[in-house]
Amino acid sequence: MNTKALHYFVTIVELKSFSRASEALHVAQSALSVAMKKLESSVGLTLLHRHEKGVQLTDEGTRLYNHAKQILQKLQDAELEMQELKGLVKGEVRLGVPSMMGSYFFPDILMAFKQQYPGLKLTIIDAGTQSIRKMLIDGELDLGVILNESVPDSLEIEPLIEDEMLAVVSPQHDFAAQQTISIHEFFSQELIMFKKGYFHREMVDKLCIQHGLEPNISIETNLIPMILKVVQKDFAIGALLKLVTEQEKGVIGIPFEQSITLKIGMAWRKAGYLSVADKAFMEFTKQALPALVGRHHLI
């Protein structure tokens, strides 16, 4: 068993095809077949079943795949650390950020960071908390902004901010003049919501379970401009962070009777290796927070 064979094996599994893996790896399909036969021979087990639609893992193959992913990630971490010890900084930060944070909170930080570190590359992925957690664990992201609750044991998290979730309505809506809104009032309306997997939607689903309510979700979207437009036109109401409602005209943010506060943090893999670029970004973010907190009136 060698790392090249494991790399071939993981690629075949993830692309579900020898032919697609051959193209991605720039290796002849016959060479991949030989490599897999040697790998199966070395472990004495059948790892893959080939069929008309591609390949399928056996139970034994699934176990090896999980180990192989961890082994290859560890090797990548080790290579990166050795390069940095020689002064060869990777120079890239792979960051996962939910839509609301990515649209209203992180642009200022990202631009200021690039000004200070122009040679570093930033790769930003827009995804929900659940997806970001998985991508962190799988090594697809270095850092991720997630809800700071029920964090998997395999992740570390640094608290960033707390912000209040508000109901958002049109100025023409019957609720617009209210100082607060009850949970039952909120769920009595047609709603526009983020899709499942985003911390915004997790909060709404949790409230429904707690109060035994069924949400009337008329539109699901992760596009904040669409949410704002629909609310402005009084077609539905929604829920957004206070930092969003404070910056947008044409919508009114109403606190819930029982305040809903979300704690948000920056997470990374416990077993992973944070590059110099990752550490620099984390430190920069923590230093930049006070000014942004004051500007957006975060709680």
C-alpha atoms as a PDB file:
ATOM      1  CA  MET A   1       0.000   0.000   0.000  1.00  0.00           C
ATOM      2  CA  ASN A   2       1.467   3.373  -1.023  1.00  0.00           C
ATOM      3  CA  THR A   3       0.258   6.960  -1.014  1.00  0.00           C
ATOM      4  CA  LYS A   4      -0.008   7.157  -4.809  1.00  0.00           C
ATOM      5  CA  ALA A   5      -2.353   4.157  -4.841  1.00  0.00           C
ATOM      6  CA  LEU A   6      -4.410   5.701  -2.018  1.00  0.00           C
ATOM      7  CA  HIS A   7      -4.626   8.969  -3.950  1.00  0.00           C
ATOM      8  CA  TYR A   8      -5.828   7.083  -7.043  1.00  0.00           C
ATOM      9  CA  PHE A   9      -8.313   5.134  -4.911  1.00  0.00           C
ATOM     10  CA  VAL A  10      -9.806   8.252  -3.263  1.00  0.00           C
ATOM     11  CA  THR A  11     -10.110  10.040  -6.617  1.00  0.00           C
ATOM     12  CA  ILE A  12     -11.894   7.082  -8.227  1.00  0.00           C
ATOM     13  CA  VAL A  13     -14.305   6.869  -5.292  1.00  0.00           C
ATOM     14  CA  GLU A  14     -15.084  10.585  -5.244  1.00  0.00           C
ATOM     15  CA  LEU A  15     -15.564  10.842  -9.017  1.00  0.00           C
ATOM     16  CA  LYS A  16     -17.438   7.491  -9.078  1.00  0.00           C
ATOM     17  CA  SER A  17     -15.689   6.496 -12.296  1.00  0.00           C
ATOM     18  CA  PHE A  18     -12.360   5.148 -13.541  1.00  0.00           C
ATOM     19  CA  SER A  19     -12.649   7.198 -16.727  1.00  0.00           C
ATOM     20  CA  ARG A  20     -13.348  10.499 -14.919  1.00  0.00           C
ATOM     21  CA  ALA A  21     -10.537   9.762 -12.452  1.00  0.00           C
ATOM     22  CA  SER A  22      -8.229   9.039 -15.386  1.00  0.00           C
ATOM     23  CA  GLU A  23      -8.965  12.473 -16.853  1.00  0.00           C
ATOM     24  CA  ALA A  24      -8.601  14.270 -13.511  1.00  0.00           C
ATOM     25  CA  LEU A  25      -5.322  12.523 -12.626  1.00  0.00           C
ATOM     26  CA  HIS A  26      -3.908  12.546 -16.167  1.00  0.00           C
ATOM     27  CA  VAL A  27      -3.203   8.832 -15.778  1.00  0.00           C
ATOM     28  CA  ALA A  28      -4.184   6.140 -18.270  1.00  0.00           C
ATOM     29  CA  GLN A  29      -7.303   4.220 -17.273  1.00  0.00           C
ATOM     30  CA  SER A  30      -5.434   0.932 -17.682  1.00  0.00           C
ATOM     31  CA  ALA A  31      -2.785   2.173 -15.212  1.00  0.00           C
ATOM     32  CA  LEU A  32      -5.501   3.001 -12.685  1.00  0.00           C
ATOM     33  CA  SER A  33      -6.997  -0.474 -13.077  1.00  0.00           C
ATOM     34  CA  VAL A  34      -3.599  -2.062 -12.469  1.00  0.00           C
ATOM     35  CA  ALA A  35      -2.993   0.158  -9.440  1.00  0.00           C
ATOM     36  CA  MET A  36      -6.361  -0.797  -7.916  1.00  0.00           C
ATOM     37  CA  LYS A  37      -5.759  -4.510  -8.505  1.00  0.00           C
ATOM     38  CA  LYS A  38      -2.388  -4.196  -6.757  1.00  0.00           C
ATOM     39  CA  LEU A  39      -3.995  -2.280  -3.876  1.00  0.00           C
ATOM     40  CA  GLU A  40      -6.711  -4.917  -3.457  1.00  0.00           C
ATOM     41  CA  SER A  41      -4.084  -7.636  -3.644  1.00  0.00           C
ATOM     42  CA  SER A  42      -1.920  -5.954  -0.995  1.00  0.00           C
ATOM     43  CA  VAL A  43      -4.808  -5.775   1.500  1.00  0.00           C
ATOM     44  CA  GLY A  44      -6.352  -9.086   0.431  1.00  0.00           C
ATOM     45  CA  LEU A  45      -9.819  -7.546   0.065  1.00  0.00           C
ATOM     46  CA  THR A  46     -12.183  -6.392  -2.673  1.00  0.00           C
ATOM     47  CA  LEU A  47     -12.502  -2.624  -2.390  1.00  0.00           C
ATOM     48  CA  LEU A  48     -14.492  -1.600  -5.467  1.00  0.00           C
ATOM     49  CA  HIS A  49     -17.307  -3.070  -7.538  1.00  0.00           C
ATOM     50  CA  ARG A  50     -17.336  -1.878 -11.161  1.00  0.00           C
ATOM     51  CA  HIS A  51     -20.687  -1.617 -12.952  1.00  0.00           C
ATOM     52  CA  GLU A  52     -22.237   0.094 -15.965  1.00  0.00           C
ATOM     53  CA  LYS A  53     -22.844   3.379 -14.115  1.00  0.00           C
ATOM     54  CA  GLY A  54     -19.389   3.539 -12.553  1.00  0.00           C
ATOM     55  CA  VAL A  55     -17.964   2.119  -9.340  1.00  0.00           C
ATOM     56  CA  GLN A  56     -19.314   1.322  -5.895  1.00  0.00           C
ATOM     57  CA  LEU A  57     -17.432   0.859  -2.636  1.00  0.00           C
ATOM     58  CA  THR A  58     -17.618  -2.436  -0.780  1.00  0.00           C
ATOM     59  CA  ASP A  59     -17.928  -2.329   3.021  1.00  0.00           C
ATOM     60  CA  GLU A  60     -14.184  -2.970   3.220  1.00  0.00           C
ATOM     61  CA  GLY A  61     -13.567  -0.243   0.658  1.00  0.00           C
ATOM     62  CA  THR A  62     -15.574   2.245   2.700  1.00  0.00           C
ATOM     63  CA  ARG A  63     -13.363   1.609   5.723  1.00  0.00           C
ATOM     64  CA  LEU A  64     -10.175   2.063   3.678  1.00  0.00           C
ATOM     65  CA  TYR A  65     -11.588   5.208   2.017  1.00  0.00           C
ATOM     66  CA  ASN A  66     -12.114   6.865   5.426  1.00  0.00           C
ATOM     67  CA  HIS A  67      -8.546   6.011   6.466  1.00  0.00           C
ATOM     68  CA  ALA A  68      -7.129   7.083   3.099  1.00  0.00           C
ATOM     69  CA  LYS A  69      -8.776  10.522   3.310  1.00  0.00           C
ATOM     70  CA  GLN A  70      -7.213  11.108   6.729  1.00  0.00           C
ATOM     71  CA  ILE A  71      -3.802   9.807   5.630  1.00  0.00           C
ATOM     72  CA  LEU A  72      -3.685  12.028   2.530  1.00  0.00           C
ATOM     73  CA  GLN A  73      -4.824  15.062   4.528  1.00  0.00           C
ATOM     74  CA  LYS A  74      -2.122  14.410   7.139  1.00  0.00           C
ATOM     75  CA  LEU A  75       0.496  14.163   4.403  1.00  0.00           C
ATOM     76  CA  GLN A  76      -0.700  17.452   2.918  1.00  0.00           C
ATOM     77  CA  ASP A  77      -0.542  19.086   6.357  1.00  0.00           C
ATOM     78  CA  ALA A  78       2.960  17.728   6.936  1.00  0.00           C
ATOM     79  CA  GLU A  79       4.180  18.951   3.550  1.00  0.00           C
ATOM     80  CA  LEU A  80       2.753  22.413   4.195  1.00  0.00           C
ATOM     81  CA  GLU A  81       4.355  22.632   7.628  1.00  0.00           C
ATOM     82  CA  MET A  82       7.747  21.551   6.275  1.00  0.00           C
ATOM     83  CA  GLN A  83       7.519  24.130   3.480  1.00  0.00           C
ATOM     84  CA  GLU A  84       6.755  26.863   5.975  1.00  0.00           C
ATOM     85  CA  LEU A  85       9.679  25.845   8.162  1.00  0.00           C
ATOM     86  CA  LYS A  86      11.812  26.512   5.090  1.00  0.00           C
ATOM     87  CA  GLY A  87      10.103  29.860   4.600  1.00  0.00           C
ATOM     88  CA  LEU A  88       7.860  28.762   1.710  1.00  0.00           C
ATOM     89  CA  VAL A  89       4.495  30.074   2.915  1.00  0.00           C
ATOM     90  CA  LYS A  90       1.502  28.590   1.143  1.00  0.00           C
ATOM     91  CA  GLY A  91      -0.129  31.999   0.872  1.00  0.00           C
ATOM     92  CA  GLU A  92      -3.769  30.910   0.660  1.00  0.00           C
ATOM     93  CA  VAL A  93      -6.724  31.037   3.024  1.00  0.00           C
ATOM     94  CA  ARG A  94      -9.703  28.813   2.203  1.00  0.00           C
ATOM     95  CA  LEU A  95     -12.625  30.272   4.144  1.00  0.00           C
ATOM     96  CA  GLY A  96     -16.253  29.182   4.404  1.00  0.00           C
ATOM     97  CA  VAL A  97     -18.737  31.964   5.209  1.00  0.00           C
ATOM     98  CA  PRO A  98     -22.565  31.959   5.364  1.00  0.00           C
ATOM     99  CA  SER A  99     -24.355  34.453   3.103  1.00  0.00           C
ATOM    100  CA  MET A 100     -25.307  37.039   5.721  1.00  0.00           C
ATOM    101  CA  MET A 101     -21.811  37.197   7.203  1.00  0.00           C
ATOM    102  CA  GLY A 102     -20.181  37.089   3.786  1.00  0.00           C
ATOM    103  CA  SER A 103     -22.301  39.907   2.409  1.00  0.00           C
ATOM    104  CA  TYR A 104     -22.340  42.321   5.334  1.00  0.00           C
ATOM    105  CA  PHE A 105     -19.504  41.552   7.704  1.00  0.00           C
ATOM    106  CA  PHE A 106     -16.497  40.038   5.968  1.00  0.00           C
ATOM    107  CA  PRO A 107     -16.047  42.214   2.849  1.00  0.00           C
ATOM    108  CA  ASP A 108     -14.419  44.978   4.907  1.00  0.00           C
ATOM    109  CA  ILE A 109     -12.146  42.470   6.648  1.00  0.00           C
ATOM    110  CA  LEU A 110     -11.184  40.735   3.399  1.00  0.00           C
ATOM    111  CA  MET A 111     -10.311  43.958   1.609  1.00  0.00           C
ATOM    112  CA  ALA A 112      -8.287  45.284   4.546  1.00  0.00           C
ATOM    113  CA  PHE A 113      -6.493  41.946   4.888  1.00  0.00           C
ATOM    114  CA  LYS A 114      -5.565  41.922   1.187  1.00  0.00           C
ATOM    115  CA  GLN A 115      -4.181  45.440   1.479  1.00  0.00           C
ATOM    116  CA  GLN A 116      -1.918  44.343   4.304  1.00  0.00           C
ATOM    117  CA  TYR A 117      -1.020  40.963   2.745  1.00  0.00           C
ATOM    118  CA  PRO A 118      -1.284  41.477  -1.037  1.00  0.00           C
ATOM    119  CA  GLY A 119       0.604  38.256  -1.813  1.00  0.00           C
ATOM    120  CA  LEU A 120      -1.890  35.984  -0.060  1.00  0.00           C
ATOM    121  CA  LYS A 121      -4.773  34.382  -1.929  1.00  0.00           C
ATOM    122  CA  LEU A 122      -8.274  34.269  -0.446  1.00  0.00           C
ATOM    123  CA  THR A 123     -10.706  31.569  -1.565  1.00  0.00           C
ATOM    124  CA  ILE A 124     -14.191  32.239  -0.160  1.00  0.00           C
ATOM    125  CA  ILE A 125     -16.952  29.623  -0.184  1.00  0.00           C
ATOM    126  CA  ASP A 126     -20.564  30.632   0.488  1.00  0.00           C
ATOM    127  CA  ALA A 127     -22.266  27.808   2.373  1.00  0.00           C
ATOM    128  CA  GLY A 128     -24.430  27.012   5.375  1.00  0.00           C
ATOM    129  CA  THR A 129     -23.157  26.030   8.811  1.00  0.00           C
ATOM    130  CA  GLN A 130     -23.707  22.306   8.232  1.00  0.00           C
ATOM    131  CA  SER A 131     -21.862  22.312   4.905  1.00  0.00           C
ATOM    132  CA  ILE A 132     -19.004  24.388   6.309  1.00  0.00           C
ATOM    133  CA  ARG A 133     -18.602  21.992   9.240  1.00  0.00           C
ATOM    134  CA  LYS A 134     -18.365  19.027   6.853  1.00  0.00           C
ATOM    135  CA  MET A 135     -15.909  20.794   4.524  1.00  0.00           C
ATOM    136  CA  LEU A 136     -13.700  21.681   7.500  1.00  0.00           C
ATOM    137  CA  ILE A 137     -13.695  18.093   8.751  1.00  0.00           C
ATOM    138  CA  ASP A 138     -12.974  16.786   5.230  1.00  0.00           C
ATOM    139  CA  GLY A 139     -10.070  19.237   4.831  1.00  0.00           C
ATOM    140  CA  GLU A 140     -11.731  21.158   1.988  1.00  0.00           C
ATOM    141  CA  LEU A 141     -11.600  24.399   4.015  1.00  0.00           C
ATOM    142  CA  ASP A 142      -8.984  25.799   6.383  1.00  0.00           C
ATOM    143  CA  LEU A 143     -11.310  28.100   8.327  1.00  0.00           C
ATOM    144  CA  GLY A 144     -15.068  28.432   8.569  1.00  0.00           C
ATOM    145  CA  VAL A 145     -17.551  30.840  10.124  1.00  0.00           C
ATOM    146  CA  ILE A 146     -20.216  28.772  11.862  1.00  0.00           C
ATOM    147  CA  LEU A 147     -22.782  28.931  14.633  1.00  0.00           C
ATOM    148  CA  ASN A 148     -20.979  28.466  17.941  1.00  0.00           C
ATOM    149  CA  GLU A 149     -23.170  25.703  19.304  1.00  0.00           C
ATOM    150  CA  SER A 150     -23.208  21.907  18.931  1.00  0.00           C
ATOM    151  CA  VAL A 151     -19.707  22.165  17.430  1.00  0.00           C
ATOM    152  CA  PRO A 152     -18.302  18.714  16.474  1.00  0.00           C
ATOM    153  CA  ASP A 153     -15.511  17.417  18.731  1.00  0.00           C
ATOM    154  CA  SER A 154     -13.150  17.335  15.737  1.00  0.00           C
ATOM    155  CA  LEU A 155     -13.321  21.140  15.388  1.00  0.00           C
ATOM    156  CA  GLU A 156     -11.863  24.011  17.402  1.00  0.00           C
ATOM    157  CA  ILE A 157     -13.715  27.324  17.449  1.00  0.00           C
ATOM    158  CA  GLU A 158     -12.812  30.896  18.341  1.00  0.00           C
ATOM    159  CA  PRO A 159     -15.809  33.097  19.331  1.00  0.00           C
ATOM    160  CA  LEU A 160     -16.232  36.089  17.014  1.00  0.00           C
ATOM    161  CA  ILE A 161     -19.474  37.957  17.570  1.00  0.00           C
ATOM    162  CA  GLU A 162     -22.970  37.781  18.956  1.00  0.00           C
ATOM    163  CA  ASP A 163     -25.817  39.352  17.031  1.00  0.00           C
ATOM    164  CA  GLU A 164     -29.571  39.500  17.408  1.00  0.00           C
ATOM    165  CA  MET A 165     -31.927  37.853  14.934  1.00  0.00           C
ATOM    166  CA  LEU A 166     -34.823  40.126  13.990  1.00  0.00           C
ATOM    167  CA  ALA A 167     -38.052  39.638  12.092  1.00  0.00           C
ATOM    168  CA  VAL A 168     -37.949  41.764   8.915  1.00  0.00           C
ATOM    169  CA  VAL A 169     -41.073  43.255   7.388  1.00  0.00           C
ATOM    170  CA  SER A 170     -42.084  45.885   4.847  1.00  0.00           C
ATOM    171  CA  PRO A 171     -42.863  49.389   6.168  1.00  0.00           C
ATOM    172  CA  GLN A 172     -46.411  48.757   4.861  1.00  0.00           C
ATOM    173  CA  HIS A 173     -46.861  45.551   6.878  1.00  0.00           C
ATOM    174  CA  ASP A 174     -49.318  45.452   9.794  1.00  0.00           C
ATOM    175  CA  PHE A 175     -46.455  44.540  12.141  1.00  0.00           C
ATOM    176  CA  ALA A 176     -44.228  47.466  11.064  1.00  0.00           C
ATOM    177  CA  ALA A 177     -45.214  49.746  13.973  1.00  0.00           C
ATOM    178  CA  GLN A 178     -44.739  47.082  16.651  1.00  0.00           C
ATOM    179  CA  GLN A 179     -41.854  47.299  19.116  1.00  0.00           C
ATOM    180  CA  THR A 180     -41.588  43.506  19.363  1.00  0.00           C
ATOM    181  CA  ILE A 181     -43.089  40.465  17.680  1.00  0.00           C
ATOM    182  CA  SER A 182     -44.162  37.169  19.223  1.00  0.00           C
ATOM    183  CA  ILE A 183     -43.143  33.792  17.868  1.00  0.00           C
ATOM    184  CA  HIS A 184     -46.781  32.963  17.067  1.00  0.00           C
ATOM    185  CA  GLU A 185     -47.244  36.272  15.211  1.00  0.00           C
ATOM    186  CA  PHE A 186     -44.126  35.600  13.162  1.00  0.00           C
ATOM    187  CA  PHE A 187     -45.170  32.088  12.171  1.00  0.00           C
ATOM    188  CA  SER A 188     -48.706  33.212  11.329  1.00  0.00           C
ATOM    189  CA  GLN A 189     -47.297  34.936   8.212  1.00  0.00           C
ATOM    190  CA  GLU A 190     -46.026  33.743   4.857  1.00  0.00           C
ATOM    191  CA  LEU A 191     -42.254  33.445   5.212  1.00  0.00           C
ATOM    192  CA  ILE A 192     -39.206  33.719   2.975  1.00  0.00           C
ATOM    193  CA  MET A 193     -36.402  31.632   4.452  1.00  0.00           C
ATOM    194  CA  PHE A 194     -32.901  30.411   3.774  1.00  0.00           C
ATOM    195  CA  LYS A 195     -32.621  26.765   2.768  1.00  0.00           C
ATOM    196  CA  LYS A 196     -31.911  24.086   5.358  1.00  0.00           C
ATOM    197  CA  GLY A 197     -28.330  23.930   6.585  1.00  0.00           C
ATOM    198  CA  TYR A 198     -27.880  27.675   7.201  1.00  0.00           C
ATOM    199  CA  PHE A 199     -27.772  28.972  10.796  1.00  0.00           C
ATOM    200  CA  HIS A 200     -30.672  31.322   9.968  1.00  0.00           C
ATOM    201  CA  ARG A 201     -32.859  28.336   9.009  1.00  0.00           C
ATOM    202  CA  GLU A 202     -31.600  26.191  11.905  1.00  0.00           C
ATOM    203  CA  MET A 203     -32.836  28.893  14.276  1.00  0.00           C
ATOM    204  CA  VAL A 204     -36.281  28.966  12.630  1.00  0.00           C
ATOM    205  CA  ASP A 205     -36.613  25.175  12.616  1.00  0.00           C
ATOM    206  CA  LYS A 206     -35.602  25.014  16.284  1.00  0.00           C
ATOM    207  CA  LEU A 207     -38.258  27.606  17.211  1.00  0.00           C
ATOM    208  CA  CYS A 208     -40.903  25.600  15.365  1.00  0.00           C
ATOM    209  CA  ILE A 209     -40.020  22.456  17.315  1.00  0.00           C
ATOM    210  CA  GLN A 210     -39.938  24.297  20.643  1.00  0.00           C
ATOM    211  CA  HIS A 211     -43.366  25.884  20.112  1.00  0.00           C
ATOM    212  CA  GLY A 212     -45.021  23.082  18.171  1.00  0.00           C
ATOM    213  CA  LEU A 213     -45.576  25.274  15.118  1.00  0.00           C
ATOM    214  CA  GLU A 214     -45.558  24.599  11.384  1.00  0.00           C
ATOM    215  CA  PRO A 215     -43.880  27.361   9.313  1.00  0.00           C
ATOM    216  CA  ASN A 216     -45.658  28.662   6.215  1.00  0.00           C
ATOM    217  CA  ILE A 217     -42.569  28.985   4.012  1.00  0.00           C
ATOM    218  CA  SER A 218     -43.598  30.330   0.632  1.00  0.00           C
ATOM    219  CA  ILE A 219     -40.076  30.929  -0.725  1.00  0.00           C
ATOM    220  CA  GLU A 220     -36.736  29.287   0.028  1.00  0.00           C
ATOM    221  CA  THR A 221     -33.570  31.024  -1.179  1.00  0.00           C
ATOM    222  CA  ASN A 222     -30.022  31.763  -0.077  1.00  0.00           C
ATOM    223  CA  LEU A 223     -29.962  35.006  -2.075  1.00  0.00           C
ATOM    224  CA  ILE A 224     -30.130  37.945   0.321  1.00  0.00           C
ATOM    225  CA  PRO A 225     -31.067  40.499  -2.402  1.00  0.00           C
ATOM    226  CA  MET A 226     -34.063  38.326  -3.259  1.00  0.00           C
ATOM    227  CA  ILE A 227     -35.096  38.062   0.401  1.00  0.00           C
ATOM    228  CA  LEU A 228     -34.884  41.843   0.783  1.00  0.00           C
ATOM    229  CA  LYS A 229     -36.833  42.498  -2.434  1.00  0.00           C
ATOM    230  CA  VAL A 230     -39.623  40.105  -1.482  1.00  0.00           C
ATOM    231  CA  VAL A 231     -39.910  41.646   2.007  1.00  0.00           C
ATOM    232  CA  GLN A 232     -39.812  45.206   0.635  1.00  0.00           C
ATOM    233  CA  LYS A 233     -42.702  44.368  -1.695  1.00  0.00           C
ATOM    234  CA  ASP A 234     -44.633  42.997   1.327  1.00  0.00           C
ATOM    235  CA  PHE A 235     -44.993  39.597  -0.326  1.00  0.00           C
ATOM    236  CA  ALA A 236     -43.645  37.761   2.729  1.00  0.00           C
ATOM    237  CA  ILE A 237     -41.697  38.413   5.921  1.00  0.00           C
ATOM    238  CA  GLY A 238     -38.392  36.926   6.997  1.00  0.00           C
ATOM    239  CA  ALA A 239     -35.719  36.928   9.688  1.00  0.00           C
ATOM    240  CA  LEU A 240     -32.223  38.395   9.356  1.00  0.00           C
ATOM    241  CA  LEU A 241     -29.370  39.432  11.600  1.00  0.00           C
ATOM    242  CA  LYS A 242     -29.521  42.928  13.086  1.00  0.00           C
ATOM    243  CA  LEU A 243     -26.351  43.896  11.185  1.00  0.00           C
ATOM    244  CA  VAL A 244     -28.260  43.323   7.923  1.00  0.00           C
ATOM    245  CA  THR A 245     -31.449  45.177   8.802  1.00  0.00           C
ATOM    246  CA  GLU A 246     -29.495  48.206  10.061  1.00  0.00           C
ATOM    247  CA  GLN A 247     -27.871  48.670   6.663  1.00  0.00           C
ATOM    248  CA  GLU A 248     -30.819  48.059   4.364  1.00  0.00           C
ATOM    249  CA  LYS A 249     -33.490  50.596   3.452  1.00  0.00           C
ATOM    250  CA  GLY A 250     -37.037  49.535   2.735  1.00  0.00           C
ATOM    251  CA  VAL A 251     -37.251  46.911   5.491  1.00  0.00           C
ATOM    252  CA  ILE A 252     -37.935  47.160   9.210  1.00  0.00           C
ATOM    253  CA  GLY A 253     -36.306  44.913  11.784  1.00  0.00           C
ATOM    254  CA  ILE A 254     -38.461  43.951  14.769  1.00  0.00           C
ATOM    255  CA  PRO A 255     -36.971  42.176  17.823  1.00  0.00           C
ATOM    256  CA  PHE A 256     -38.705  39.025  19.025  1.00  0.00           C
ATOM    257  CA  GLU A 257     -40.433  39.241  22.411  1.00  0.00           C
ATOM    258  CA  GLN A 258     -37.910  36.753  23.705  1.00  0.00           C
ATOM    259  CA  SER A 259     -34.637  38.012  22.264  1.00  0.00           C
ATOM    260  CA  ILE A 260     -32.912  35.564  19.891  1.00  0.00           C
ATOM    261  CA  THR A 261     -29.143  35.931  20.011  1.00  0.00           C
ATOM    262  CA  LEU A 262     -26.826  33.957  17.756  1.00  0.00           C
ATOM    263  CA  LYS A 263     -23.213  33.278  18.729  1.00  0.00           C
ATOM    264  CA  ILE A 264     -20.907  33.009  15.751  1.00  0.00           C
ATOM    265  CA  GLY A 265     -17.303  31.817  15.681  1.00  0.00           C
ATOM    266  CA  MET A 266     -14.359  30.906  13.451  1.00  0.00           C
ATOM    267  CA  ALA A 267     -13.695  27.162  13.343  1.00  0.00           C
ATOM    268  CA  TRP A 268     -10.905  24.865  12.122  1.00  0.00           C
ATOM    269  CA  ARG A 269      -9.933  21.187  12.356  1.00  0.00           C
ATOM    270  CA  LYS A 270      -8.340  20.149  15.641  1.00  0.00           C
ATOM    271  CA  ALA A 271      -6.129  17.626  13.887  1.00  0.00           C
ATOM    272  CA  GLY A 272      -5.353  19.926  10.977  1.00  0.00           C
ATOM    273  CA  TYR A 273      -2.432  22.249  10.386  1.00  0.00           C
ATOM    274  CA  LEU A 274      -3.146  25.961  10.178  1.00  0.00           C
ATOM    275  CA  SER A 275      -0.794  27.661   7.750  1.00  0.00           C
ATOM    276  CA  VAL A 276       0.905  30.980   8.429  1.00  0.00           C
ATOM    277  CA  ALA A 277      -1.670  32.573   6.112  1.00  0.00           C
ATOM    278  CA  ASP A 278      -4.557  31.025   8.100  1.00  0.00           C
ATOM    279  CA  LYS A 279      -3.124  32.203  11.418  1.00  0.00           C
ATOM    280  CA  ALA A 280      -2.496  35.677  10.017  1.00  0.00           C
ATOM    281  CA  PHE A 281      -6.114  35.898   8.816  1.00  0.00           C
ATOM    282  CA  MET A 282      -7.505  34.749  12.163  1.00  0.00           C
ATOM    283  CA  GLU A 283      -5.386  37.266  14.060  1.00  0.00           C
ATOM    284  CA  PHE A 284      -6.285  40.042  11.624  1.00  0.00           C
ATOM    285  CA  THR A 285     -10.005  39.242  11.972  1.00  0.00           C
ATOM    286  CA  LYS A 286      -9.846  39.396  15.778  1.00  0.00           C
ATOM    287  CA  GLN A 287      -8.035  42.736  15.651  1.00  0.00           C
ATOM    288  CA  ALA A 288     -10.439  44.183  13.076  1.00  0.00           C
ATOM    289  CA  LEU A 289     -13.570  43.154  14.983  1.00  0.00           C
ATOM    290  CA  PRO A 290     -13.790  45.997  17.537  1.00  0.00           C
ATOM    291  CA  ALA A 291     -14.076  48.705  14.870  1.00  0.00           C
ATOM    292  CA  LEU A 292     -16.623  46.716  12.877  1.00  0.00           C
ATOM    293  CA  VAL A 293     -18.629  45.861  15.978  1.00  0.00           C
ATOM    294  CA  GLY A 294     -18.873  49.554  16.782  1.00  0.00           C
ATOM    295  CA  ARG A 295     -19.813  50.434  13.202  1.00  0.00           C
ATOM    296  CA  HIS A 296     -22.593  47.864  12.920  1.00  0.00           C
ATOM    297  CA  HIS A 297     -23.805  48.219  16.528  1.00  0.00           C
ATOM    298  CA  LEU A 298     -23.523  44.512  17.150  1.00  0.00           C
ATOM    299  CA  ILE A 299     -24.583  43.391  20.612  1.00  0.00           C
END
